[in-house]
Amino acid sequence: MKIALLTCEKLPELTAADQLLIPELAKHNIVAKPVIWSDQTINWSDFDYLIFRNTWDYFEKEIEFNLWLDQIEKLGIKTLNTIGIIKQNKHKFYLREMEKQEISILPTVFIDKTNSLNLAELIPSQWKKAVIKPAFSAGSYLTEVFEVADIQKINADYKNLAPEKELLLQEFMPEIQTLGETSLIFFNKKFSHCVNKKPVDGDFRVQSQFGGKYSLVQPSQELIEKAQKIVNTFPENLLYARVDGIIIGTELYLMEIECIEPDLYFDIADGALERFVSSIVELIA
């Protein structure tokens, strides 16, 4: 069995945490190697499965990535997660569908491509502060937090992007700066572990490259069940899913469910790597 662990040009050998998958998979007679998804010299038919791990530039190469997904799909090569899930999950308008399924999401205005962006007309009157970002993005890419009083400046900043990309306009929740963002990680639709991420003082970005601090936490059974409900909206198999949200009181407000290339925090949660590999073995058996 040969598996490609998909990565990007920035991380040709995978992250240090994901490199540990290779010897762990070898214990199950699975040969795994890091492969850059955009490398045009690769014969993808050489692999039995492709697993999306560190494809952390896909949102910067939107057209190329979409064409590559189509190519893999036409070749009939198996992927984890499936190409269908990847295609759905890479565009954050899926949150609108989640909301229709009675999943609590952050208050969001979904903005289709437009040549006449007018945020002042779209933003709810009760909002004081907001976040704007492309629907096809990751890692705070082209994301801005702004006071409503500055909406005309933000409108000017994004008016050239609006004809090319759908946008999300979300109410800024101050709890992100105090309580942080919580990620509940599931392997093969079973809860594995949970990590809380807090930004540095004065920032809203929880990613480690911006100074965010991560810690392992034990969520309540009620919270796990709420995240499980979100995971269960997918009828297909899921090798992994990371439910990212803000917990306010007892409610989990979904920010996104990451099914493409999320950090799974193997280095924070004991046994997570082994549980992940066991899930791979279960799904390809």
C-alpha atoms as a PDB file:
ATOM      1  CA  MET A   1       0.000   0.000   0.000  1.00  0.00           C
ATOM      2  CA  LYS A   2       1.437   3.361  -1.060  1.00  0.00           C
ATOM      3  CA  ILE A   3       0.084   6.632   0.299  1.00  0.00           C
ATOM      4  CA  ALA A   4       0.970  10.210  -0.645  1.00  0.00           C
ATOM      5  CA  LEU A   5       0.820  12.624   2.269  1.00  0.00           C
ATOM      6  CA  LEU A   6      -0.061  15.790   0.408  1.00  0.00           C
ATOM      7  CA  THR A   7       1.834  18.943   1.248  1.00  0.00           C
ATOM      8  CA  CYS A   8       2.922  22.201  -0.415  1.00  0.00           C
ATOM      9  CA  GLU A   9       6.088  23.834  -1.721  1.00  0.00           C
ATOM     10  CA  LYS A  10       6.572  25.700   1.560  1.00  0.00           C
ATOM     11  CA  LEU A  11       6.687  22.400   3.486  1.00  0.00           C
ATOM     12  CA  PRO A  12       8.142  19.815   1.083  1.00  0.00           C
ATOM     13  CA  GLU A  13       8.883  17.369   3.914  1.00  0.00           C
ATOM     14  CA  LEU A  14       5.669  18.049   5.878  1.00  0.00           C
ATOM     15  CA  THR A  15       5.519  19.651   9.300  1.00  0.00           C
ATOM     16  CA  ALA A  16       7.578  17.985  12.015  1.00  0.00           C
ATOM     17  CA  ALA A  17       4.396  16.620  13.598  1.00  0.00           C
ATOM     18  CA  ASP A  18       3.100  15.113  10.338  1.00  0.00           C
ATOM     19  CA  GLN A  19       6.489  13.580   9.505  1.00  0.00           C
ATOM     20  CA  LEU A  20       5.845  11.200  12.404  1.00  0.00           C
ATOM     21  CA  LEU A  21       3.039   9.633  10.372  1.00  0.00           C
ATOM     22  CA  ILE A  22       5.547   7.955   8.059  1.00  0.00           C
ATOM     23  CA  PRO A  23       7.172   5.535  10.566  1.00  0.00           C
ATOM     24  CA  GLU A  24       3.830   4.997  12.297  1.00  0.00           C
ATOM     25  CA  LEU A  25       2.155   3.977   9.024  1.00  0.00           C
ATOM     26  CA  ALA A  26       5.139   1.729   8.214  1.00  0.00           C
ATOM     27  CA  LYS A  27       4.170  -0.390  11.239  1.00  0.00           C
ATOM     28  CA  HIS A  28       1.048  -1.290   9.256  1.00  0.00           C
ATOM     29  CA  ASN A  29       3.003  -2.103   6.063  1.00  0.00           C
ATOM     30  CA  ILE A  30       1.951   1.196   4.513  1.00  0.00           C
ATOM     31  CA  VAL A  31       4.600   3.136   2.596  1.00  0.00           C
ATOM     32  CA  ALA A  32       3.877   6.844   2.984  1.00  0.00           C
ATOM     33  CA  LYS A  33       5.808   9.783   1.574  1.00  0.00           C
ATOM     34  CA  PRO A  34       5.341  13.551   1.425  1.00  0.00           C
ATOM     35  CA  VAL A  35       4.271  14.761  -2.024  1.00  0.00           C
ATOM     36  CA  ILE A  36       3.720  18.367  -3.108  1.00  0.00           C
ATOM     37  CA  TRP A  37       0.216  18.565  -4.570  1.00  0.00           C
ATOM     38  CA  SER A  38       1.248  21.094  -7.250  1.00  0.00           C
ATOM     39  CA  ASP A  39       4.273  19.086  -8.455  1.00  0.00           C
ATOM     40  CA  GLN A  40       3.489  18.419 -12.121  1.00  0.00           C
ATOM     41  CA  THR A  41       6.107  15.651 -12.383  1.00  0.00           C
ATOM     42  CA  ILE A  42       4.169  13.300 -10.103  1.00  0.00           C
ATOM     43  CA  ASN A  43       2.356  10.290 -11.526  1.00  0.00           C
ATOM     44  CA  TRP A  44      -0.597  10.221  -9.155  1.00  0.00           C
ATOM     45  CA  SER A  45      -1.621   6.749 -10.293  1.00  0.00           C
ATOM     46  CA  ASP A  46       1.451   5.415  -8.451  1.00  0.00           C
ATOM     47  CA  PHE A  47      -0.452   5.866  -5.180  1.00  0.00           C
ATOM     48  CA  ASP A  48      -3.285   3.851  -3.681  1.00  0.00           C
ATOM     49  CA  TYR A  49      -4.465   6.812  -1.592  1.00  0.00           C
ATOM     50  CA  LEU A  50      -3.773  10.519  -1.232  1.00  0.00           C
ATOM     51  CA  ILE A  51      -4.171  12.064   2.216  1.00  0.00           C
ATOM     52  CA  PHE A  52      -4.503  15.837   2.482  1.00  0.00           C
ATOM     53  CA  ARG A  53      -2.206  17.128   5.216  1.00  0.00           C
ATOM     54  CA  ASN A  54      -0.120  20.275   4.696  1.00  0.00           C
ATOM     55  CA  THR A  55      -1.577  21.722   1.471  1.00  0.00           C
ATOM     56  CA  TRP A  56      -1.367  25.119   3.099  1.00  0.00           C
ATOM     57  CA  ASP A  57      -1.159  27.194  -0.080  1.00  0.00           C
ATOM     58  CA  TYR A  58      -4.321  25.946  -1.815  1.00  0.00           C
ATOM     59  CA  PHE A  59      -6.216  29.186  -1.166  1.00  0.00           C
ATOM     60  CA  GLU A  60      -3.408  31.200  -2.769  1.00  0.00           C
ATOM     61  CA  LYS A  61      -3.598  29.026  -5.916  1.00  0.00           C
ATOM     62  CA  GLU A  62      -7.359  28.762  -6.245  1.00  0.00           C
ATOM     63  CA  ILE A  63      -7.615  28.067  -9.991  1.00  0.00           C
ATOM     64  CA  GLU A  64      -4.676  25.654  -9.995  1.00  0.00           C
ATOM     65  CA  PHE A  65      -6.016  23.770  -6.978  1.00  0.00           C
ATOM     66  CA  ASN A  66      -9.496  23.431  -8.456  1.00  0.00           C
ATOM     67  CA  LEU A  67      -8.078  22.075 -11.725  1.00  0.00           C
ATOM     68  CA  TRP A  68      -5.895  19.634  -9.810  1.00  0.00           C
ATOM     69  CA  LEU A  69      -8.884  18.356  -7.819  1.00  0.00           C
ATOM     70  CA  ASP A  70     -10.731  17.757 -11.086  1.00  0.00           C
ATOM     71  CA  GLN A  71      -7.714  15.876 -12.444  1.00  0.00           C
ATOM     72  CA  ILE A  72      -7.487  13.575  -9.401  1.00  0.00           C
ATOM     73  CA  GLU A  73     -11.218  12.974  -9.542  1.00  0.00           C
ATOM     74  CA  LYS A  74     -11.086  12.029 -13.239  1.00  0.00           C
ATOM     75  CA  LEU A  75      -8.180   9.664 -12.598  1.00  0.00           C
ATOM     76  CA  GLY A  76     -10.317   7.912  -9.978  1.00  0.00           C
ATOM     77  CA  ILE A  77      -7.608   8.074  -7.317  1.00  0.00           C
ATOM     78  CA  LYS A  78      -8.877   7.584  -3.784  1.00  0.00           C
ATOM     79  CA  THR A  79      -8.379  10.432  -1.350  1.00  0.00           C
ATOM     80  CA  LEU A  80      -8.945  11.035   2.347  1.00  0.00           C
ATOM     81  CA  ASN A  81     -10.954  13.073   2.810  1.00  0.00           C
ATOM     82  CA  THR A  82     -12.818  12.495  -0.454  1.00  0.00           C
ATOM     83  CA  ILE A  83     -12.582  14.955  -3.341  1.00  0.00           C
ATOM     84  CA  GLY A  84     -16.293  15.678  -2.887  1.00  0.00           C
ATOM     85  CA  ILE A  85     -15.735  16.743   0.711  1.00  0.00           C
ATOM     86  CA  ILE A  86     -12.675  18.803  -0.234  1.00  0.00           C
ATOM     87  CA  LYS A  87     -14.611  20.638  -2.945  1.00  0.00           C
ATOM     88  CA  GLN A  88     -17.401  21.438  -0.516  1.00  0.00           C
ATOM     89  CA  ASN A  89     -15.186  22.378   2.403  1.00  0.00           C
ATOM     90  CA  LYS A  90     -12.759  24.689   0.607  1.00  0.00           C
ATOM     91  CA  HIS A  91     -15.466  27.318   0.149  1.00  0.00           C
ATOM     92  CA  LYS A  92     -16.889  28.682   3.400  1.00  0.00           C
ATOM     93  CA  PHE A  93     -20.373  29.214   2.048  1.00  0.00           C
ATOM     94  CA  TYR A  94     -20.926  25.693   3.385  1.00  0.00           C
ATOM     95  CA  LEU A  95     -21.631  27.505   6.657  1.00  0.00           C
ATOM     96  CA  ARG A  96     -24.904  28.692   5.155  1.00  0.00           C
ATOM     97  CA  GLU A  97     -25.916  25.062   4.660  1.00  0.00           C
ATOM     98  CA  MET A  98     -24.857  24.235   8.209  1.00  0.00           C
ATOM     99  CA  GLU A  99     -27.099  27.004   9.503  1.00  0.00           C
ATOM    100  CA  LYS A 100     -30.028  25.529   7.565  1.00  0.00           C
ATOM    101  CA  GLN A 101     -29.404  22.285   9.451  1.00  0.00           C
ATOM    102  CA  GLU A 102     -29.876  24.146  12.754  1.00  0.00           C
ATOM    103  CA  ILE A 103     -26.170  24.389  13.517  1.00  0.00           C
ATOM    104  CA  SER A 104     -25.288  27.586  15.411  1.00  0.00           C
ATOM    105  CA  ILE A 105     -22.798  29.655  13.422  1.00  0.00           C
ATOM    106  CA  LEU A 106     -21.378  33.112  13.991  1.00  0.00           C
ATOM    107  CA  PRO A 107     -23.769  35.804  12.689  1.00  0.00           C
ATOM    108  CA  THR A 108     -22.778  35.928   9.012  1.00  0.00           C
ATOM    109  CA  VAL A 109     -23.700  37.792   5.835  1.00  0.00           C
ATOM    110  CA  PHE A 110     -22.804  35.789   2.714  1.00  0.00           C
ATOM    111  CA  ILE A 111     -21.776  38.071  -0.148  1.00  0.00           C
ATOM    112  CA  ASP A 112     -21.806  36.760  -3.707  1.00  0.00           C
ATOM    113  CA  LYS A 113     -19.352  38.139  -6.268  1.00  0.00           C
ATOM    114  CA  THR A 114     -20.339  41.688  -7.082  1.00  0.00           C
ATOM    115  CA  ASN A 115     -19.131  44.708  -9.021  1.00  0.00           C
ATOM    116  CA  SER A 116     -20.934  47.048  -6.643  1.00  0.00           C
ATOM    117  CA  LEU A 117     -19.912  46.112  -3.107  1.00  0.00           C
ATOM    118  CA  ASN A 118     -21.808  48.136  -0.499  1.00  0.00           C
ATOM    119  CA  LEU A 119     -21.050  46.843   2.978  1.00  0.00           C
ATOM    120  CA  ALA A 120     -22.990  49.677   4.615  1.00  0.00           C
ATOM    121  CA  GLU A 121     -26.199  48.312   3.090  1.00  0.00           C
ATOM    122  CA  LEU A 122     -25.413  44.726   4.070  1.00  0.00           C
ATOM    123  CA  ILE A 123     -24.177  44.983   7.629  1.00  0.00           C
ATOM    124  CA  PRO A 124     -26.838  44.531  10.356  1.00  0.00           C
ATOM    125  CA  SER A 125     -27.494  47.758  12.250  1.00  0.00           C
ATOM    126  CA  GLN A 126     -26.785  46.275  15.683  1.00  0.00           C
ATOM    127  CA  TRP A 127     -23.225  45.204  14.852  1.00  0.00           C
ATOM    128  CA  LYS A 128     -20.444  47.352  16.325  1.00  0.00           C
ATOM    129  CA  LYS A 129     -17.466  45.452  14.985  1.00  0.00           C
ATOM    130  CA  ALA A 130     -17.086  42.962  12.134  1.00  0.00           C
ATOM    131  CA  VAL A 131     -14.761  40.578  10.307  1.00  0.00           C
ATOM    132  CA  ILE A 132     -14.516  40.312   6.525  1.00  0.00           C
ATOM    133  CA  LYS A 133     -12.716  37.573   4.584  1.00  0.00           C
ATOM    134  CA  PRO A 134     -12.920  35.644   1.320  1.00  0.00           C
ATOM    135  CA  ALA A 135     -15.018  32.472   1.306  1.00  0.00           C
ATOM    136  CA  PHE A 136     -12.051  30.658  -0.242  1.00  0.00           C
ATOM    137  CA  SER A 137      -9.352  31.273   2.351  1.00  0.00           C
ATOM    138  CA  ALA A 138      -7.459  29.940   5.351  1.00  0.00           C
ATOM    139  CA  GLY A 139      -5.125  31.129   8.081  1.00  0.00           C
ATOM    140  CA  SER A 140      -6.522  34.684   8.258  1.00  0.00           C
ATOM    141  CA  TYR A 141      -5.749  35.200   4.551  1.00  0.00           C
ATOM    142  CA  LEU A 142      -7.094  38.624   3.408  1.00  0.00           C
ATOM    143  CA  THR A 143      -9.008  38.857   6.691  1.00  0.00           C
ATOM    144  CA  GLU A 144      -9.729  42.179   8.380  1.00  0.00           C
ATOM    145  CA  VAL A 145     -11.394  43.118  11.661  1.00  0.00           C
ATOM    146  CA  PHE A 146     -12.916  46.580  11.661  1.00  0.00           C
ATOM    147  CA  GLU A 147     -15.106  48.956  13.588  1.00  0.00           C
ATOM    148  CA  VAL A 148     -18.397  49.687  11.831  1.00  0.00           C
ATOM    149  CA  ALA A 149     -17.413  53.353  11.831  1.00  0.00           C
ATOM    150  CA  ASP A 150     -14.620  52.424   9.393  1.00  0.00           C
ATOM    151  CA  ILE A 151     -16.870  50.558   6.981  1.00  0.00           C
ATOM    152  CA  GLN A 152     -16.332  52.920   4.048  1.00  0.00           C
ATOM    153  CA  LYS A 153     -12.567  52.385   4.189  1.00  0.00           C
ATOM    154  CA  ILE A 154     -13.026  48.595   4.313  1.00  0.00           C
ATOM    155  CA  ASN A 155     -15.486  48.802   1.434  1.00  0.00           C
ATOM    156  CA  ALA A 156     -12.856  50.631  -0.609  1.00  0.00           C
ATOM    157  CA  ASP A 157     -10.204  48.061   0.346  1.00  0.00           C
ATOM    158  CA  TYR A 158     -12.370  45.104  -0.758  1.00  0.00           C
ATOM    159  CA  LYS A 159     -14.226  46.530  -3.752  1.00  0.00           C
ATOM    160  CA  ASN A 160     -11.593  45.239  -6.197  1.00  0.00           C
ATOM    161  CA  LEU A 161     -11.668  41.789  -4.623  1.00  0.00           C
ATOM    162  CA  ALA A 162     -15.466  41.501  -4.556  1.00  0.00           C
ATOM    163  CA  PRO A 163     -15.907  40.844  -8.301  1.00  0.00           C
ATOM    164  CA  GLU A 164     -13.424  37.954  -8.076  1.00  0.00           C
ATOM    165  CA  LYS A 165     -14.254  36.299  -4.764  1.00  0.00           C
ATOM    166  CA  GLU A 166     -17.296  35.633  -2.609  1.00  0.00           C
ATOM    167  CA  LEU A 167     -16.948  37.207   0.827  1.00  0.00           C
ATOM    168  CA  LEU A 168     -18.063  36.495   4.366  1.00  0.00           C
ATOM    169  CA  LEU A 169     -19.026  39.372   6.639  1.00  0.00           C
ATOM    170  CA  GLN A 170     -19.270  38.223  10.255  1.00  0.00           C
ATOM    171  CA  GLU A 171     -20.049  39.891  13.540  1.00  0.00           C
ATOM    172  CA  PHE A 172     -16.897  40.161  15.635  1.00  0.00           C
ATOM    173  CA  MET A 173     -17.288  38.231  18.887  1.00  0.00           C
ATOM    174  CA  PRO A 174     -15.069  39.748  21.617  1.00  0.00           C
ATOM    175  CA  GLU A 175     -14.950  36.344  23.315  1.00  0.00           C
ATOM    176  CA  ILE A 176     -12.363  35.275  20.726  1.00  0.00           C
ATOM    177  CA  GLN A 177      -9.888  37.552  22.536  1.00  0.00           C
ATOM    178  CA  THR A 178     -10.731  36.345  26.043  1.00  0.00           C
ATOM    179  CA  LEU A 179     -12.031  32.778  25.760  1.00  0.00           C
ATOM    180  CA  GLY A 180     -10.221  32.008  22.529  1.00  0.00           C
ATOM    181  CA  GLU A 181     -11.187  29.526  19.831  1.00  0.00           C
ATOM    182  CA  THR A 182     -11.801  25.877  20.664  1.00  0.00           C
ATOM    183  CA  SER A 183     -11.059  23.026  18.274  1.00  0.00           C
ATOM    184  CA  LEU A 184     -12.629  19.603  18.735  1.00  0.00           C
ATOM    185  CA  ILE A 185     -10.864  16.998  16.613  1.00  0.00           C
ATOM    186  CA  PHE A 186     -12.551  13.865  15.272  1.00  0.00           C
ATOM    187  CA  PHE A 187     -10.939  10.876  13.561  1.00  0.00           C
ATOM    188  CA  ASN A 188     -13.232   8.603  11.549  1.00  0.00           C
ATOM    189  CA  LYS A 189     -16.123  10.606  13.098  1.00  0.00           C
ATOM    190  CA  LYS A 190     -15.051   9.694  16.631  1.00  0.00           C
ATOM    191  CA  PHE A 191     -13.953  12.368  19.110  1.00  0.00           C
ATOM    192  CA  SER A 192     -10.204  12.330  19.741  1.00  0.00           C
ATOM    193  CA  HIS A 193      -9.108  15.471  21.596  1.00  0.00           C
ATOM    194  CA  CYS A 194      -9.740  19.170  22.092  1.00  0.00           C
ATOM    195  CA  VAL A 195      -7.452  22.213  21.958  1.00  0.00           C
ATOM    196  CA  ASN A 196      -8.074  25.800  23.020  1.00  0.00           C
ATOM    197  CA  LYS A 197      -6.257  28.561  21.114  1.00  0.00           C
ATOM    198  CA  LYS A 198      -5.905  32.092  22.445  1.00  0.00           C
ATOM    199  CA  PRO A 199      -4.480  35.103  20.591  1.00  0.00           C
ATOM    200  CA  VAL A 200      -1.865  37.402  22.055  1.00  0.00           C
ATOM    201  CA  ASP A 201      -3.201  40.495  23.791  1.00  0.00           C
ATOM    202  CA  GLY A 202      -4.683  42.963  21.332  1.00  0.00           C
ATOM    203  CA  ASP A 203      -4.920  40.490  18.446  1.00  0.00           C
ATOM    204  CA  PHE A 204      -7.771  38.317  17.191  1.00  0.00           C
ATOM    205  CA  ARG A 205      -5.775  35.743  15.209  1.00  0.00           C
ATOM    206  CA  VAL A 206      -5.276  32.496  17.084  1.00  0.00           C
ATOM    207  CA  GLN A 207      -2.819  30.875  14.654  1.00  0.00           C
ATOM    208  CA  SER A 208       0.609  30.070  16.098  1.00  0.00           C
ATOM    209  CA  GLN A 209       2.372  32.147  13.430  1.00  0.00           C
ATOM    210  CA  PHE A 210       0.680  35.198  14.956  1.00  0.00           C
ATOM    211  CA  GLY A 211       1.655  34.224  18.503  1.00  0.00           C
ATOM    212  CA  GLY A 212      -1.440  32.231  19.437  1.00  0.00           C
ATOM    213  CA  LYS A 213      -1.074  29.936  22.462  1.00  0.00           C
ATOM    214  CA  TYR A 214      -2.467  26.391  22.335  1.00  0.00           C
ATOM    215  CA  SER A 215      -3.461  24.177  25.243  1.00  0.00           C
ATOM    216  CA  LEU A 216      -5.109  20.774  25.561  1.00  0.00           C
ATOM    217  CA  VAL A 217      -8.504  20.990  27.279  1.00  0.00           C
ATOM    218  CA  GLN A 218     -11.179  18.497  28.294  1.00  0.00           C
ATOM    219  CA  PRO A 219     -14.581  19.534  26.918  1.00  0.00           C
ATOM    220  CA  SER A 220     -17.865  18.643  28.529  1.00  0.00           C
ATOM    221  CA  GLN A 221     -19.868  15.735  27.157  1.00  0.00           C
ATOM    222  CA  GLU A 222     -22.509  18.255  26.074  1.00  0.00           C
ATOM    223  CA  LEU A 223     -19.948  20.145  24.005  1.00  0.00           C
ATOM    224  CA  ILE A 224     -18.635  16.939  22.423  1.00  0.00           C
ATOM    225  CA  GLU A 225     -22.191  15.990  21.460  1.00  0.00           C
ATOM    226  CA  LYS A 226     -22.761  19.388  19.828  1.00  0.00           C
ATOM    227  CA  ALA A 227     -19.576  19.001  17.808  1.00  0.00           C
ATOM    228  CA  GLN A 228     -20.541  15.415  16.965  1.00  0.00           C
ATOM    229  CA  LYS A 229     -23.820  16.702  15.525  1.00  0.00           C
ATOM    230  CA  ILE A 230     -21.837  18.950  13.184  1.00  0.00           C
ATOM    231  CA  VAL A 231     -19.560  16.083  12.113  1.00  0.00           C
ATOM    232  CA  ASN A 232     -22.577  13.850  11.522  1.00  0.00           C
ATOM    233  CA  THR A 233     -23.982  16.252   8.906  1.00  0.00           C
ATOM    234  CA  PHE A 234     -21.505  14.585   6.531  1.00  0.00           C
ATOM    235  CA  PRO A 235     -22.983  11.329   5.184  1.00  0.00           C
ATOM    236  CA  GLU A 236     -19.590  10.226   3.840  1.00  0.00           C
ATOM    237  CA  ASN A 237     -16.618   8.847   5.741  1.00  0.00           C
ATOM    238  CA  LEU A 238     -14.340  11.448   7.282  1.00  0.00           C
ATOM    239  CA  LEU A 239     -10.766  10.558   8.123  1.00  0.00           C
ATOM    240  CA  TYR A 240     -10.581  13.777  10.088  1.00  0.00           C
ATOM    241  CA  ALA A 241     -12.649  16.810  10.895  1.00  0.00           C
ATOM    242  CA  ARG A 242     -11.738  19.719  13.131  1.00  0.00           C
ATOM    243  CA  VAL A 243     -14.680  21.622  14.551  1.00  0.00           C
ATOM    244  CA  ASP A 244     -13.546  25.193  15.286  1.00  0.00           C
ATOM    245  CA  GLY A 245     -15.799  27.429  17.304  1.00  0.00           C
ATOM    246  CA  ILE A 246     -16.321  29.894  20.096  1.00  0.00           C
ATOM    247  CA  ILE A 247     -17.989  28.633  23.256  1.00  0.00           C
ATOM    248  CA  ILE A 248     -20.245  31.255  24.816  1.00  0.00           C
ATOM    249  CA  GLY A 249     -22.030  29.945  27.863  1.00  0.00           C
ATOM    250  CA  THR A 250     -23.047  26.426  26.898  1.00  0.00           C
ATOM    251  CA  GLU A 251     -23.439  27.195  23.183  1.00  0.00           C
ATOM    252  CA  LEU A 252     -20.914  26.260  20.528  1.00  0.00           C
ATOM    253  CA  TYR A 253     -20.846  28.795  17.689  1.00  0.00           C
ATOM    254  CA  LEU A 254     -19.284  27.161  14.657  1.00  0.00           C
ATOM    255  CA  MET A 255     -16.567  29.198  12.939  1.00  0.00           C
ATOM    256  CA  GLU A 256     -15.652  26.430  10.518  1.00  0.00           C
ATOM    257  CA  ILE A 257     -15.337  22.673  10.222  1.00  0.00           C
ATOM    258  CA  GLU A 258     -11.920  21.947   8.736  1.00  0.00           C
ATOM    259  CA  CYS A 259     -11.854  18.888   6.465  1.00  0.00           C
ATOM    260  CA  ILE A 260      -9.002  19.803   4.118  1.00  0.00           C
ATOM    261  CA  GLU A 261      -5.643  20.354   5.804  1.00  0.00           C
ATOM    262  CA  PRO A 262      -6.063  21.304   9.462  1.00  0.00           C
ATOM    263  CA  ASP A 263      -3.349  21.091  12.048  1.00  0.00           C
ATOM    264  CA  LEU A 264      -4.464  18.152  14.188  1.00  0.00           C
ATOM    265  CA  TYR A 265      -2.159  18.931  17.153  1.00  0.00           C
ATOM    266  CA  PHE A 266      -0.403  15.573  17.317  1.00  0.00           C
ATOM    267  CA  ASP A 267       2.308  17.255  19.388  1.00  0.00           C
ATOM    268  CA  ILE A 268      -0.160  18.416  22.051  1.00  0.00           C
ATOM    269  CA  ALA A 269      -2.421  15.399  22.596  1.00  0.00           C
ATOM    270  CA  ASP A 270      -0.894  12.093  23.675  1.00  0.00           C
ATOM    271  CA  GLY A 271      -2.076   9.214  21.536  1.00  0.00           C
ATOM    272  CA  ALA A 272      -3.582  11.431  18.839  1.00  0.00           C
ATOM    273  CA  LEU A 273      -1.058  10.339  16.199  1.00  0.00           C
ATOM    274  CA  GLU A 274      -1.742   6.674  16.875  1.00  0.00           C
ATOM    275  CA  ARG A 275      -5.515   7.219  16.803  1.00  0.00           C
ATOM    276  CA  PHE A 276      -5.189   9.019  13.483  1.00  0.00           C
ATOM    277  CA  VAL A 277      -3.152   6.201  11.944  1.00  0.00           C
ATOM    278  CA  SER A 278      -5.626   3.622  13.260  1.00  0.00           C
ATOM    279  CA  SER A 279      -8.396   5.570  11.526  1.00  0.00           C
ATOM    280  CA  ILE A 280      -6.444   5.524   8.255  1.00  0.00           C
ATOM    281  CA  VAL A 281      -6.048   1.749   8.535  1.00  0.00           C
ATOM    282  CA  GLU A 282      -9.770   1.335   9.300  1.00  0.00           C
ATOM    283  CA  LEU A 283     -10.821   3.364   6.262  1.00  0.00           C
ATOM    284  CA  ILE A 284      -8.503   1.794   3.705  1.00  0.00           C
ATOM    285  CA  ALA A 285      -8.937  -1.805   4.882  1.00  0.00           C
END
